Amino acid sequence: MFNDEEIKDVVAFLKTLTDGYKPDGAVAAGAASAPGVVKAVASN
């Protein structure tokens, strides 16, 4: 089992991780160039 201090450390670490997701649909800086990311292009 983890003690309170260890839990706080894990939570602090997890908050540093990101995949670039923005709930409002905006793309995070650099996310479009990440491997596997496909950028949609509107055709006229």
C-alpha atoms as a PDB file:
ATOM      1  CA  MET A   1       0.000   0.000   0.000  1.00  0.00           C
ATOM      2  CA  PHE A   2       1.120   3.566  -0.651  1.00  0.00           C
ATOM      3  CA  ASN A   3       1.350   6.167   2.073  1.00  0.00           C
ATOM      4  CA  ASP A   4      -0.064   9.687   1.627  1.00  0.00           C
ATOM      5  CA  GLU A   5       3.281  11.176   0.557  1.00  0.00           C
ATOM      6  CA  GLU A   6       3.801   8.510  -2.129  1.00  0.00           C
ATOM      7  CA  ILE A   7       0.283   9.080  -3.470  1.00  0.00           C
ATOM      8  CA  LYS A   8       0.928  12.829  -3.688  1.00  0.00           C
ATOM      9  CA  ASP A   9       4.165  12.130  -5.582  1.00  0.00           C
ATOM     10  CA  VAL A  10       2.421   9.846  -8.096  1.00  0.00           C
ATOM     11  CA  VAL A  11      -0.394  12.363  -8.643  1.00  0.00           C
ATOM     12  CA  ALA A  12       2.132  15.181  -9.161  1.00  0.00           C
ATOM     13  CA  PHE A  13       3.957  13.047 -11.753  1.00  0.00           C
ATOM     14  CA  LEU A  14       0.760  12.090 -13.578  1.00  0.00           C
ATOM     15  CA  LYS A  15      -0.184  15.764 -13.879  1.00  0.00           C
ATOM     16  CA  THR A  16       3.007  16.318 -15.899  1.00  0.00           C
ATOM     17  CA  LEU A  17       1.880  13.877 -18.606  1.00  0.00           C
ATOM     18  CA  THR A  18      -0.079  15.064 -21.613  1.00  0.00           C
ATOM     19  CA  ASP A  19      -1.165  13.780 -24.993  1.00  0.00           C
ATOM     20  CA  GLY A  20      -2.083  17.240 -26.261  1.00  0.00           C
ATOM     21  CA  TYR A  21      -5.838  16.782 -25.849  1.00  0.00           C
ATOM     22  CA  LYS A  22      -7.761  20.008 -25.366  1.00  0.00           C
ATOM     23  CA  PRO A  23     -11.461  19.649 -24.445  1.00  0.00           C
ATOM     24  CA  ASP A  24     -12.433  22.673 -26.573  1.00  0.00           C
ATOM     25  CA  GLY A  25     -11.045  20.989 -29.714  1.00  0.00           C
ATOM     26  CA  ALA A  26      -7.913  23.147 -29.979  1.00  0.00           C
ATOM     27  CA  VAL A  27      -4.658  21.382 -30.802  1.00  0.00           C
ATOM     28  CA  ALA A  28      -1.844  21.743 -28.288  1.00  0.00           C
ATOM     29  CA  ALA A  29       1.437  23.208 -29.537  1.00  0.00           C
ATOM     30  CA  GLY A  30       3.493  20.501 -31.219  1.00  0.00           C
ATOM     31  CA  ALA A  31       0.700  17.919 -31.154  1.00  0.00           C
ATOM     32  CA  ALA A  32       0.119  18.105 -34.914  1.00  0.00           C
ATOM     33  CA  SER A  33       3.678  16.960 -35.573  1.00  0.00           C
ATOM     34  CA  ALA A  34       3.506  14.042 -33.145  1.00  0.00           C
ATOM     35  CA  PRO A  35       3.793  10.557 -34.658  1.00  0.00           C
ATOM     36  CA  GLY A  36       0.451   9.068 -35.615  1.00  0.00           C
ATOM     37  CA  VAL A  37      -1.405  12.376 -35.629  1.00  0.00           C
ATOM     38  CA  VAL A  38      -3.409  13.012 -38.763  1.00  0.00           C
ATOM     39  CA  LYS A  39      -4.285  16.615 -39.507  1.00  0.00           C
ATOM     40  CA  ALA A  40      -7.640  17.163 -41.203  1.00  0.00           C
ATOM     41  CA  VAL A  41      -7.561  19.399 -44.254  1.00  0.00           C
ATOM     42  CA  ALA A  42     -10.705  21.124 -45.483  1.00  0.00           C
ATOM     43  CA  SER A  43     -11.288  20.962 -49.221  1.00  0.00           C
ATOM     44  CA  ASN A  44     -12.984  23.803 -51.045  1.00  0.00           C
END
